[in-house]
Amino acid sequence: YQYEGQLQAVRPERAGACLRCLWPE
């Protein structure tokens, strides 16, 4: 977004956190 960004790894095979864990909707 404009001059910043975000990065996330989702690892369901390791029962890691997912995008909906941070933002349910």
mmCIF file of all heavy atoms, coordinates in Angstrom:
data_MODEL
# 
_entry.id   MODEL 
# 
loop_
_atom_site.group_PDB 
_atom_site.id 
_atom_site.type_symbol 
_atom_site.label_atom_id 
_atom_site.label_alt_id 
_atom_site.label_comp_id 
_atom_site.label_asym_id 
_atom_site.label_entity_id 
_atom_site.label_seq_id 
_atom_site.pdbx_PDB_ins_code 
_atom_site.Cartn_x 
_atom_site.Cartn_y 
_atom_site.Cartn_z 
_atom_site.occupancy 
_atom_site.B_iso_or_equiv 
_atom_site.pdbx_formal_charge 
_atom_site.auth_seq_id 
_atom_site.auth_comp_id 
_atom_site.auth_asym_id 
_atom_site.auth_atom_id 
_atom_site.pdbx_PDB_model_num 
ATOM 1   N N   . TYR A 1 1  ? 0.858   -1.177  0.000  1.00 0.00 ? 1  TYR A N   1 
ATOM 2   C CA  . TYR A 1 1  ? 0.000   0.000   0.000  1.00 0.00 ? 1  TYR A CA  1 
ATOM 3   C C   . TYR A 1 1  ? 0.894   1.227   0.000  1.00 0.00 ? 1  TYR A C   1 
ATOM 4   O O   . TYR A 1 1  ? 1.653   1.432   0.964  1.00 0.00 ? 1  TYR A O   1 
ATOM 5   C CB  . TYR A 1 1  ? -0.927  0.000   1.231  1.00 0.00 ? 1  TYR A CB  1 
ATOM 6   C CG  . TYR A 1 1  ? -1.863  1.172   1.261  1.00 0.00 ? 1  TYR A CG  1 
ATOM 7   C CD1 . TYR A 1 1  ? -2.952  1.226   0.404  1.00 0.00 ? 1  TYR A CD1 1 
ATOM 8   C CD2 . TYR A 1 1  ? -1.654  2.228   2.132  1.00 0.00 ? 1  TYR A CD2 1 
ATOM 9   C CE1 . TYR A 1 1  ? -3.817  2.313   0.414  1.00 0.00 ? 1  TYR A CE1 1 
ATOM 10  C CE2 . TYR A 1 1  ? -2.514  3.312   2.159  1.00 0.00 ? 1  TYR A CE2 1 
ATOM 11  C CZ  . TYR A 1 1  ? -3.598  3.341   1.289  1.00 0.00 ? 1  TYR A CZ  1 
ATOM 12  O OH  . TYR A 1 1  ? -4.442  4.421   1.303  1.00 0.00 ? 1  TYR A OH  1 
ATOM 13  N N   . GLN A 1 2  ? 0.865   1.957   -1.066 1.00 0.00 ? 2  GLN A N   1 
ATOM 14  C CA  . GLN A 1 2  ? 1.651   3.171   -1.261 1.00 0.00 ? 2  GLN A CA  1 
ATOM 15  C C   . GLN A 1 2  ? 3.141   2.909   -1.063 1.00 0.00 ? 2  GLN A C   1 
ATOM 16  O O   . GLN A 1 2  ? 3.813   2.485   -1.978 1.00 0.00 ? 2  GLN A O   1 
ATOM 17  C CB  . GLN A 1 2  ? 1.120   4.300   -0.391 1.00 0.00 ? 2  GLN A CB  1 
ATOM 18  C CG  . GLN A 1 2  ? -0.283  4.714   -0.813 1.00 0.00 ? 2  GLN A CG  1 
ATOM 19  C CD  . GLN A 1 2  ? -0.834  5.863   -0.024 1.00 0.00 ? 2  GLN A CD  1 
ATOM 20  O OE1 . GLN A 1 2  ? -0.535  6.021   1.159  1.00 0.00 ? 2  GLN A OE1 1 
ATOM 21  N NE2 . GLN A 1 2  ? -1.648  6.673   -0.671 1.00 0.00 ? 2  GLN A NE2 1 
ATOM 22  N N   . TYR A 1 3  ? 3.689   3.123   0.117  1.00 0.00 ? 3  TYR A N   1 
ATOM 23  C CA  . TYR A 1 3  ? 5.128   2.944   0.330  1.00 0.00 ? 3  TYR A CA  1 
ATOM 24  C C   . TYR A 1 3  ? 5.428   1.975   1.471  1.00 0.00 ? 3  TYR A C   1 
ATOM 25  O O   . TYR A 1 3  ? 6.494   2.035   2.097  1.00 0.00 ? 3  TYR A O   1 
ATOM 26  C CB  . TYR A 1 3  ? 5.806   4.297   0.594  1.00 0.00 ? 3  TYR A CB  1 
ATOM 27  C CG  . TYR A 1 3  ? 5.106   5.121   1.654  1.00 0.00 ? 3  TYR A CG  1 
ATOM 28  C CD1 . TYR A 1 3  ? 5.388   4.945   2.999  1.00 0.00 ? 3  TYR A CD1 1 
ATOM 29  C CD2 . TYR A 1 3  ? 4.132   6.042   1.291  1.00 0.00 ? 3  TYR A CD2 1 
ATOM 30  C CE1 . TYR A 1 3  ? 4.724   5.674   3.968  1.00 0.00 ? 3  TYR A CE1 1 
ATOM 31  C CE2 . TYR A 1 3  ? 3.466   6.774   2.253  1.00 0.00 ? 3  TYR A CE2 1 
ATOM 32  C CZ  . TYR A 1 3  ? 3.771   6.599   3.587  1.00 0.00 ? 3  TYR A CZ  1 
ATOM 33  O OH  . TYR A 1 3  ? 3.106   7.318   4.538  1.00 0.00 ? 3  TYR A OH  1 
ATOM 34  N N   . GLU A 1 4  ? 4.513   1.066   1.747  1.00 0.00 ? 4  GLU A N   1 
ATOM 35  C CA  . GLU A 1 4  ? 4.726   0.063   2.794  1.00 0.00 ? 4  GLU A CA  1 
ATOM 36  C C   . GLU A 1 4  ? 4.108   -1.250  2.359  1.00 0.00 ? 4  GLU A C   1 
ATOM 37  O O   . GLU A 1 4  ? 3.372   -1.318  1.373  1.00 0.00 ? 4  GLU A O   1 
ATOM 38  C CB  . GLU A 1 4  ? 4.128   0.525   4.119  1.00 0.00 ? 4  GLU A CB  1 
ATOM 39  C CG  . GLU A 1 4  ? 2.638   0.805   4.047  1.00 0.00 ? 4  GLU A CG  1 
ATOM 40  C CD  . GLU A 1 4  ? 2.101   1.434   5.321  1.00 0.00 ? 4  GLU A CD  1 
ATOM 41  O OE1 . GLU A 1 4  ? 2.665   2.449   5.774  1.00 0.00 ? 4  GLU A OE1 1 
ATOM 42  O OE2 . GLU A 1 4  ? 1.135   0.894   5.840  1.00 0.00 ? 4  GLU A OE2 1 
ATOM 43  N N   . GLY A 1 5  ? 4.402   -2.316  3.106  1.00 0.00 ? 5  GLY A N   1 
ATOM 44  C CA  . GLY A 1 5  ? 3.863   -3.620  2.756  1.00 0.00 ? 5  GLY A CA  1 
ATOM 45  C C   . GLY A 1 5  ? 3.870   -4.573  3.931  1.00 0.00 ? 5  GLY A C   1 
ATOM 46  O O   . GLY A 1 5  ? 4.374   -4.258  5.012  1.00 0.00 ? 5  GLY A O   1 
ATOM 47  N N   . GLN A 1 6  ? 3.294   -5.741  3.696  1.00 0.00 ? 6  GLN A N   1 
ATOM 48  C CA  . GLN A 1 6  ? 3.232   -6.802  4.695  1.00 0.00 ? 6  GLN A CA  1 
ATOM 49  C C   . GLN A 1 6  ? 3.532   -8.136  4.026  1.00 0.00 ? 6  GLN A C   1 
ATOM 50  O O   . GLN A 1 6  ? 3.221   -8.327  2.843  1.00 0.00 ? 6  GLN A O   1 
ATOM 51  C CB  . GLN A 1 6  ? 1.848   -6.876  5.331  1.00 0.00 ? 6  GLN A CB  1 
ATOM 52  C CG  . GLN A 1 6  ? 1.457   -5.654  6.107  1.00 0.00 ? 6  GLN A CG  1 
ATOM 53  C CD  . GLN A 1 6  ? 0.090   -5.805  6.754  1.00 0.00 ? 6  GLN A CD  1 
ATOM 54  O OE1 . GLN A 1 6  ? -0.519  -6.863  6.741  1.00 0.00 ? 6  GLN A OE1 1 
ATOM 55  N NE2 . GLN A 1 6  ? -0.393  -4.719  7.332  1.00 0.00 ? 6  GLN A NE2 1 
ATOM 56  N N   . LEU A 1 7  ? 4.089   -9.043  4.790  1.00 0.00 ? 7  LEU A N   1 
ATOM 57  C CA  . LEU A 1 7  ? 4.432   -10.377 4.313  1.00 0.00 ? 7  LEU A CA  1 
ATOM 58  C C   . LEU A 1 7  ? 4.031   -11.375 5.387  1.00 0.00 ? 7  LEU A C   1 
ATOM 59  O O   . LEU A 1 7  ? 4.249   -11.111 6.578  1.00 0.00 ? 7  LEU A O   1 
ATOM 60  C CB  . LEU A 1 7  ? 5.943   -10.440 4.051  1.00 0.00 ? 7  LEU A CB  1 
ATOM 61  C CG  . LEU A 1 7  ? 6.540   -11.742 3.567  1.00 0.00 ? 7  LEU A CG  1 
ATOM 62  C CD1 . LEU A 1 7  ? 6.108   -12.011 2.130  1.00 0.00 ? 7  LEU A CD1 1 
ATOM 63  C CD2 . LEU A 1 7  ? 8.061   -11.656 3.637  1.00 0.00 ? 7  LEU A CD2 1 
ATOM 64  N N   . GLN A 1 8  ? 3.446   -12.490 4.986  1.00 0.00 ? 8  GLN A N   1 
ATOM 65  C CA  . GLN A 1 8  ? 3.052   -13.525 5.945  1.00 0.00 ? 8  GLN A CA  1 
ATOM 66  C C   . GLN A 1 8  ? 3.203   -14.893 5.314  1.00 0.00 ? 8  GLN A C   1 
ATOM 67  O O   . GLN A 1 8  ? 2.811   -15.104 4.158  1.00 0.00 ? 8  GLN A O   1 
ATOM 68  C CB  . GLN A 1 8  ? 1.599   -13.340 6.389  1.00 0.00 ? 8  GLN A CB  1 
ATOM 69  C CG  . GLN A 1 8  ? 1.148   -14.401 7.381  1.00 0.00 ? 8  GLN A CG  1 
ATOM 70  C CD  . GLN A 1 8  ? -0.310  -14.291 7.784  1.00 0.00 ? 8  GLN A CD  1 
ATOM 71  O OE1 . GLN A 1 8  ? -1.044  -13.445 7.282  1.00 0.00 ? 8  GLN A OE1 1 
ATOM 72  N NE2 . GLN A 1 8  ? -0.735  -15.143 8.682  1.00 0.00 ? 8  GLN A NE2 1 
ATOM 73  N N   . ALA A 1 9  ? 3.752   -15.819 6.072  1.00 0.00 ? 9  ALA A N   1 
ATOM 74  C CA  . ALA A 1 9  ? 3.800   -17.221 5.667  1.00 0.00 ? 9  ALA A CA  1 
ATOM 75  C C   . ALA A 1 9  ? 2.689   -17.957 6.403  1.00 0.00 ? 9  ALA A C   1 
ATOM 76  O O   . ALA A 1 9  ? 2.550   -17.842 7.620  1.00 0.00 ? 9  ALA A O   1 
ATOM 77  C CB  . ALA A 1 9  ? 5.149   -17.834 6.015  1.00 0.00 ? 9  ALA A CB  1 
ATOM 78  N N   . VAL A 1 10 ? 1.900   -18.709 5.666  1.00 0.00 ? 10 VAL A N   1 
ATOM 79  C CA  . VAL A 1 10 ? 0.834   -19.544 6.221  1.00 0.00 ? 10 VAL A CA  1 
ATOM 80  C C   . VAL A 1 10 ? 1.275   -20.986 6.030  1.00 0.00 ? 10 VAL A C   1 
ATOM 81  O O   . VAL A 1 10 ? 1.545   -21.414 4.914  1.00 0.00 ? 10 VAL A O   1 
ATOM 82  C CB  . VAL A 1 10 ? -0.520  -19.277 5.512  1.00 0.00 ? 10 VAL A CB  1 
ATOM 83  C CG1 . VAL A 1 10 ? -1.592  -20.224 6.009  1.00 0.00 ? 10 VAL A CG1 1 
ATOM 84  C CG2 . VAL A 1 10 ? -0.936  -17.822 5.688  1.00 0.00 ? 10 VAL A CG2 1 
ATOM 85  N N   . ARG A 1 11 ? 1.363   -21.723 7.135  1.00 0.00 ? 11 ARG A N   1 
ATOM 86  C CA  . ARG A 1 11 ? 1.888   -23.090 7.096  1.00 0.00 ? 11 ARG A CA  1 
ATOM 87  C C   . ARG A 1 11 ? 0.870   -24.071 7.692  1.00 0.00 ? 11 ARG A C   1 
ATOM 88  O O   . ARG A 1 11 ? 1.029   -24.538 8.814  1.00 0.00 ? 11 ARG A O   1 
ATOM 89  C CB  . ARG A 1 11 ? 3.198   -23.176 7.878  1.00 0.00 ? 11 ARG A CB  1 
ATOM 90  C CG  . ARG A 1 11 ? 4.328   -22.247 7.423  1.00 0.00 ? 11 ARG A CG  1 
ATOM 91  C CD  . ARG A 1 11 ? 4.914   -22.617 6.076  1.00 0.00 ? 11 ARG A CD  1 
ATOM 92  N NE  . ARG A 1 11 ? 5.391   -23.970 5.974  1.00 0.00 ? 11 ARG A NE  1 
ATOM 93  C CZ  . ARG A 1 11 ? 6.631   -24.355 6.249  1.00 0.00 ? 11 ARG A CZ  1 
ATOM 94  N NH1 . ARG A 1 11 ? 7.532   -23.493 6.645  1.00 0.00 ? 11 ARG A NH1 1 
ATOM 95  N NH2 . ARG A 1 11 ? 6.968   -25.623 6.111  1.00 0.00 ? 11 ARG A NH2 1 
ATOM 96  N N   . PRO A 1 12 ? -0.197  -24.395 6.961  1.00 0.00 ? 12 PRO A N   1 
ATOM 97  C CA  . PRO A 1 12 ? -1.201  -25.304 7.517  1.00 0.00 ? 12 PRO A CA  1 
ATOM 98  C C   . PRO A 1 12 ? -0.652  -26.696 7.823  1.00 0.00 ? 12 PRO A C   1 
ATOM 99  O O   . PRO A 1 12 ? -1.143  -27.362 8.732  1.00 0.00 ? 12 PRO A O   1 
ATOM 100 C CB  . PRO A 1 12 ? -2.275  -25.362 6.433  1.00 0.00 ? 12 PRO A CB  1 
ATOM 101 C CG  . PRO A 1 12 ? -1.639  -24.856 5.198  1.00 0.00 ? 12 PRO A CG  1 
ATOM 102 C CD  . PRO A 1 12 ? -0.526  -23.957 5.610  1.00 0.00 ? 12 PRO A CD  1 
ATOM 103 N N   . GLU A 1 13 ? 0.388   -27.118 7.098  1.00 0.00 ? 13 GLU A N   1 
ATOM 104 C CA  . GLU A 1 13 ? 0.972   -28.434 7.353  1.00 0.00 ? 13 GLU A CA  1 
ATOM 105 C C   . GLU A 1 13 ? 1.696   -28.470 8.697  1.00 0.00 ? 13 GLU A C   1 
ATOM 106 O O   . GLU A 1 13 ? 2.026   -29.533 9.207  1.00 0.00 ? 13 GLU A O   1 
ATOM 107 C CB  . GLU A 1 13 ? 1.910   -28.844 6.205  1.00 0.00 ? 13 GLU A CB  1 
ATOM 108 C CG  . GLU A 1 13 ? 3.269   -28.176 6.191  1.00 0.00 ? 13 GLU A CG  1 
ATOM 109 C CD  . GLU A 1 13 ? 3.313   -26.739 5.676  1.00 0.00 ? 13 GLU A CD  1 
ATOM 110 O OE1 . GLU A 1 13 ? 2.266   -26.088 5.515  1.00 0.00 ? 13 GLU A OE1 1 
ATOM 111 O OE2 . GLU A 1 13 ? 4.442   -26.261 5.455  1.00 0.00 ? 13 GLU A OE2 1 
ATOM 112 N N   . ARG A 1 14 ? 1.913   -27.287 9.302  1.00 0.00 ? 14 ARG A N   1 
ATOM 113 C CA  . ARG A 1 14 ? 2.536   -27.189 10.624 1.00 0.00 ? 14 ARG A CA  1 
ATOM 114 C C   . ARG A 1 14 ? 1.576   -26.585 11.645 1.00 0.00 ? 14 ARG A C   1 
ATOM 115 O O   . ARG A 1 14 ? 2.002   -26.162 12.713 1.00 0.00 ? 14 ARG A O   1 
ATOM 116 C CB  . ARG A 1 14 ? 3.794   -26.338 10.550 1.00 0.00 ? 14 ARG A CB  1 
ATOM 117 C CG  . ARG A 1 14 ? 4.889   -26.968 9.741  1.00 0.00 ? 14 ARG A CG  1 
ATOM 118 C CD  . ARG A 1 14 ? 6.165   -26.199 9.890  1.00 0.00 ? 14 ARG A CD  1 
ATOM 119 N NE  . ARG A 1 14 ? 7.232   -26.871 9.156  1.00 0.00 ? 14 ARG A NE  1 
ATOM 120 C CZ  . ARG A 1 14 ? 8.435   -26.387 9.045  1.00 0.00 ? 14 ARG A CZ  1 
ATOM 121 N NH1 . ARG A 1 14 ? 8.752   -25.248 9.627  1.00 0.00 ? 14 ARG A NH1 1 
ATOM 122 N NH2 . ARG A 1 14 ? 9.353   -27.029 8.367  1.00 0.00 ? 14 ARG A NH2 1 
ATOM 123 N N   . ALA A 1 15 ? 0.305   -26.508 11.285 1.00 0.00 ? 15 ALA A N   1 
ATOM 124 C CA  . ALA A 1 15 ? -0.732  -25.934 12.151 1.00 0.00 ? 15 ALA A CA  1 
ATOM 125 C C   . ALA A 1 15 ? -0.396  -24.510 12.568 1.00 0.00 ? 15 ALA A C   1 
ATOM 126 O O   . ALA A 1 15 ? -0.664  -24.096 13.685 1.00 0.00 ? 15 ALA A O   1 
ATOM 127 C CB  . ALA A 1 15 ? -0.982  -26.829 13.370 1.00 0.00 ? 15 ALA A CB  1 
ATOM 128 N N   . GLY A 1 16 ? 0.189   -23.752 11.637 1.00 0.00 ? 16 GLY A N   1 
ATOM 129 C CA  . GLY A 1 16 ? 0.559   -22.371 11.915 1.00 0.00 ? 16 GLY A CA  1 
ATOM 130 C C   . GLY A 1 16 ? -0.618  -21.422 11.771 1.00 0.00 ? 16 GLY A C   1 
ATOM 131 O O   . GLY A 1 16 ? -1.694  -21.784 11.307 1.00 0.00 ? 16 GLY A O   1 
ATOM 132 N N   . ALA A 1 17 ? -0.391  -20.184 12.180 1.00 0.00 ? 17 ALA A N   1 
ATOM 133 C CA  . ALA A 1 17 ? -1.414  -19.140 12.082 1.00 0.00 ? 17 ALA A CA  1 
ATOM 134 C C   . ALA A 1 17 ? -1.707  -18.837 10.616 1.00 0.00 ? 17 ALA A C   1 
ATOM 135 O O   . ALA A 1 17 ? -0.846  -18.973 9.757  1.00 0.00 ? 17 ALA A O   1 
ATOM 136 C CB  . ALA A 1 17 ? -0.945  -17.881 12.798 1.00 0.00 ? 17 ALA A CB  1 
ATOM 137 N N   . CYS A 1 18 ? -2.945  -18.416 10.360 1.00 0.00 ? 18 CYS A N   1 
ATOM 138 C CA  . CYS A 1 18 ? -3.338  -18.094 8.996  1.00 0.00 ? 18 CYS A CA  1 
ATOM 139 C C   . CYS A 1 18 ? -3.844  -16.650 8.929  1.00 0.00 ? 18 CYS A C   1 
ATOM 140 O O   . CYS A 1 18 ? -3.905  -15.955 9.946  1.00 0.00 ? 18 CYS A O   1 
ATOM 141 C CB  . CYS A 1 18 ? -4.398  -19.072 8.503  1.00 0.00 ? 18 CYS A CB  1 
ATOM 142 S SG  . CYS A 1 18 ? -6.033  -18.839 9.227  1.00 0.00 ? 18 CYS A SG  1 
ATOM 143 N N   . LEU A 1 19 ? -4.213  -16.225 7.751  1.00 0.00 ? 19 LEU A N   1 
ATOM 144 C CA  . LEU A 1 19 ? -4.688  -14.861 7.559  1.00 0.00 ? 19 LEU A CA  1 
ATOM 145 C C   . LEU A 1 19 ? -5.933  -14.584 8.389  1.00 0.00 ? 19 LEU A C   1 
ATOM 146 O O   . LEU A 1 19 ? -6.072  -13.521 8.995  1.00 0.00 ? 19 LEU A O   1 
ATOM 147 C CB  . LEU A 1 19 ? -4.971  -14.627 6.071  1.00 0.00 ? 19 LEU A CB  1 
ATOM 148 C CG  . LEU A 1 19 ? -5.339  -13.214 5.642  1.00 0.00 ? 19 LEU A CG  1 
ATOM 149 C CD1 . LEU A 1 19 ? -4.230  -12.230 6.001  1.00 0.00 ? 19 LEU A CD1 1 
ATOM 150 C CD2 . LEU A 1 19 ? -5.609  -13.183 4.149  1.00 0.00 ? 19 LEU A CD2 1 
ATOM 151 N N   . ARG A 1 20 ? -6.838  -15.549 8.475  1.00 0.00 ? 20 ARG A N   1 
ATOM 152 C CA  . ARG A 1 20 ? -8.069  -15.359 9.254  1.00 0.00 ? 20 ARG A CA  1 
ATOM 153 C C   . ARG A 1 20 ? -7.797  -15.345 10.769 1.00 0.00 ? 20 ARG A C   1 
ATOM 154 O O   . ARG A 1 20 ? -8.633  -14.887 11.533 1.00 0.00 ? 20 ARG A O   1 
ATOM 155 C CB  . ARG A 1 20 ? -9.103  -16.410 8.903  1.00 0.00 ? 20 ARG A CB  1 
ATOM 156 C CG  . ARG A 1 20 ? -9.690  -16.199 7.522  1.00 0.00 ? 20 ARG A CG  1 
ATOM 157 C CD  . ARG A 1 20 ? -10.905 -17.078 7.290  1.00 0.00 ? 20 ARG A CD  1 
ATOM 158 N NE  . ARG A 1 20 ? -11.344 -17.002 5.920  1.00 0.00 ? 20 ARG A NE  1 
ATOM 159 C CZ  . ARG A 1 20 ? -12.128 -16.051 5.421  1.00 0.00 ? 20 ARG A CZ  1 
ATOM 160 N NH1 . ARG A 1 20 ? -12.550 -15.083 6.197  1.00 0.00 ? 20 ARG A NH1 1 
ATOM 161 N NH2 . ARG A 1 20 ? -12.481 -16.073 4.158  1.00 0.00 ? 20 ARG A NH2 1 
ATOM 162 N N   . CYS A 1 21 ? -6.641  -15.837 11.175 1.00 0.00 ? 21 CYS A N   1 
ATOM 163 C CA  . CYS A 1 21 ? -6.261  -15.723 12.590 1.00 0.00 ? 21 CYS A CA  1 
ATOM 164 C C   . CYS A 1 21 ? -6.029  -14.261 12.954 1.00 0.00 ? 21 CYS A C   1 
ATOM 165 O O   . CYS A 1 21 ? -6.282  -13.853 14.085 1.00 0.00 ? 21 CYS A O   1 
ATOM 166 C CB  . CYS A 1 21 ? -4.987  -16.520 12.869 1.00 0.00 ? 21 CYS A CB  1 
ATOM 167 S SG  . CYS A 1 21 ? -5.175  -18.300 12.632 1.00 0.00 ? 21 CYS A SG  1 
ATOM 168 N N   . LEU A 1 22 ? -5.537  -13.486 11.991 1.00 0.00 ? 22 LEU A N   1 
ATOM 169 C CA  . LEU A 1 22 ? -5.297  -12.065 12.211 1.00 0.00 ? 22 LEU A CA  1 
ATOM 170 C C   . LEU A 1 22 ? -6.539  -11.228 11.926 1.00 0.00 ? 22 LEU A C   1 
ATOM 171 O O   . LEU A 1 22 ? -6.863  -10.310 12.667 1.00 0.00 ? 22 LEU A O   1 
ATOM 172 C CB  . LEU A 1 22 ? -4.157  -11.581 11.308 1.00 0.00 ? 22 LEU A CB  1 
ATOM 173 C CG  . LEU A 1 22 ? -2.804  -12.225 11.556 1.00 0.00 ? 22 LEU A CG  1 
ATOM 174 C CD1 . LEU A 1 22 ? -1.817  -11.803 10.481 1.00 0.00 ? 22 LEU A CD1 1 
ATOM 175 C CD2 . LEU A 1 22 ? -2.290  -11.866 12.927 1.00 0.00 ? 22 LEU A CD2 1 
ATOM 176 N N   . TRP A 1 23 ? -7.192  -11.531 10.817 1.00 0.00 ? 23 TRP A N   1 
ATOM 177 C CA  . TRP A 1 23 ? -8.402  -10.814 10.404 1.00 0.00 ? 23 TRP A CA  1 
ATOM 178 C C   . TRP A 1 23 ? -9.451  -11.860 10.040 1.00 0.00 ? 23 TRP A C   1 
ATOM 179 O O   . TRP A 1 23 ? -9.413  -12.428 8.945  1.00 0.00 ? 23 TRP A O   1 
ATOM 180 C CB  . TRP A 1 23 ? -8.117  -9.929  9.180  1.00 0.00 ? 23 TRP A CB  1 
ATOM 181 C CG  . TRP A 1 23 ? -7.174  -8.822  9.468  1.00 0.00 ? 23 TRP A CG  1 
ATOM 182 C CD1 . TRP A 1 23 ? -7.437  -7.659  10.130 1.00 0.00 ? 23 TRP A CD1 1 
ATOM 183 C CD2 . TRP A 1 23 ? -5.797  -8.764  9.110  1.00 0.00 ? 23 TRP A CD2 1 
ATOM 184 N NE1 . TRP A 1 23 ? -6.311  -6.892  10.209 1.00 0.00 ? 23 TRP A NE1 1 
ATOM 185 C CE2 . TRP A 1 23 ? -5.286  -7.548  9.582  1.00 0.00 ? 23 TRP A CE2 1 
ATOM 186 C CE3 . TRP A 1 23 ? -4.931  -9.628  8.430  1.00 0.00 ? 23 TRP A CE3 1 
ATOM 187 C CZ2 . TRP A 1 23 ? -3.964  -7.165  9.408  1.00 0.00 ? 23 TRP A CZ2 1 
ATOM 188 C CZ3 . TRP A 1 23 ? -3.611  -9.244  8.254  1.00 0.00 ? 23 TRP A CZ3 1 
ATOM 189 C CH2 . TRP A 1 23 ? -3.151  -8.024  8.745  1.00 0.00 ? 23 TRP A CH2 1 
ATOM 190 N N   . PRO A 1 24 ? -10.404 -12.134 10.924 1.00 0.00 ? 24 PRO A N   1 
ATOM 191 C CA  . PRO A 1 24 ? -11.393 -13.191 10.664 1.00 0.00 ? 24 PRO A CA  1 
ATOM 192 C C   . PRO A 1 24 ? -12.216 -12.975 9.397  1.00 0.00 ? 24 PRO A C   1 
ATOM 193 O O   . PRO A 1 24 ? -12.598 -13.934 8.732  1.00 0.00 ? 24 PRO A O   1 
ATOM 194 C CB  . PRO A 1 24 ? -12.288 -13.165 11.910 1.00 0.00 ? 24 PRO A CB  1 
ATOM 195 C CG  . PRO A 1 24 ? -11.422 -12.579 12.974 1.00 0.00 ? 24 PRO A CG  1 
ATOM 196 C CD  . PRO A 1 24 ? -10.523 -11.593 12.278 1.00 0.00 ? 24 PRO A CD  1 
ATOM 197 N N   . GLU A 1 25 ? -12.479 -11.726 9.053  1.00 0.00 ? 25 GLU A N   1 
ATOM 198 C CA  . GLU A 1 25 ? -13.267 -11.437 7.852  1.00 0.00 ? 25 GLU A CA  1 
ATOM 199 C C   . GLU A 1 25 ? -12.441 -10.607 6.877  1.00 0.00 ? 25 GLU A C   1 
ATOM 200 O O   . GLU A 1 25 ? -11.689 -9.720  7.290  1.00 0.00 ? 25 GLU A O   1 
ATOM 201 C CB  . GLU A 1 25 ? -14.543 -10.670 8.217  1.00 0.00 ? 25 GLU A CB  1 
ATOM 202 C CG  . GLU A 1 25 ? -15.505 -11.460 9.084  1.00 0.00 ? 25 GLU A CG  1 
ATOM 203 C CD  . GLU A 1 25 ? -16.009 -12.725 8.411  1.00 0.00 ? 25 GLU A CD  1 
ATOM 204 O OE1 . GLU A 1 25 ? -16.276 -12.695 7.186  1.00 0.00 ? 25 GLU A OE1 1 
ATOM 205 O OE2 . GLU A 1 25 ? -16.126 -13.755 9.105  1.00 0.00 ? 25 GLU A OE2 1 
# 
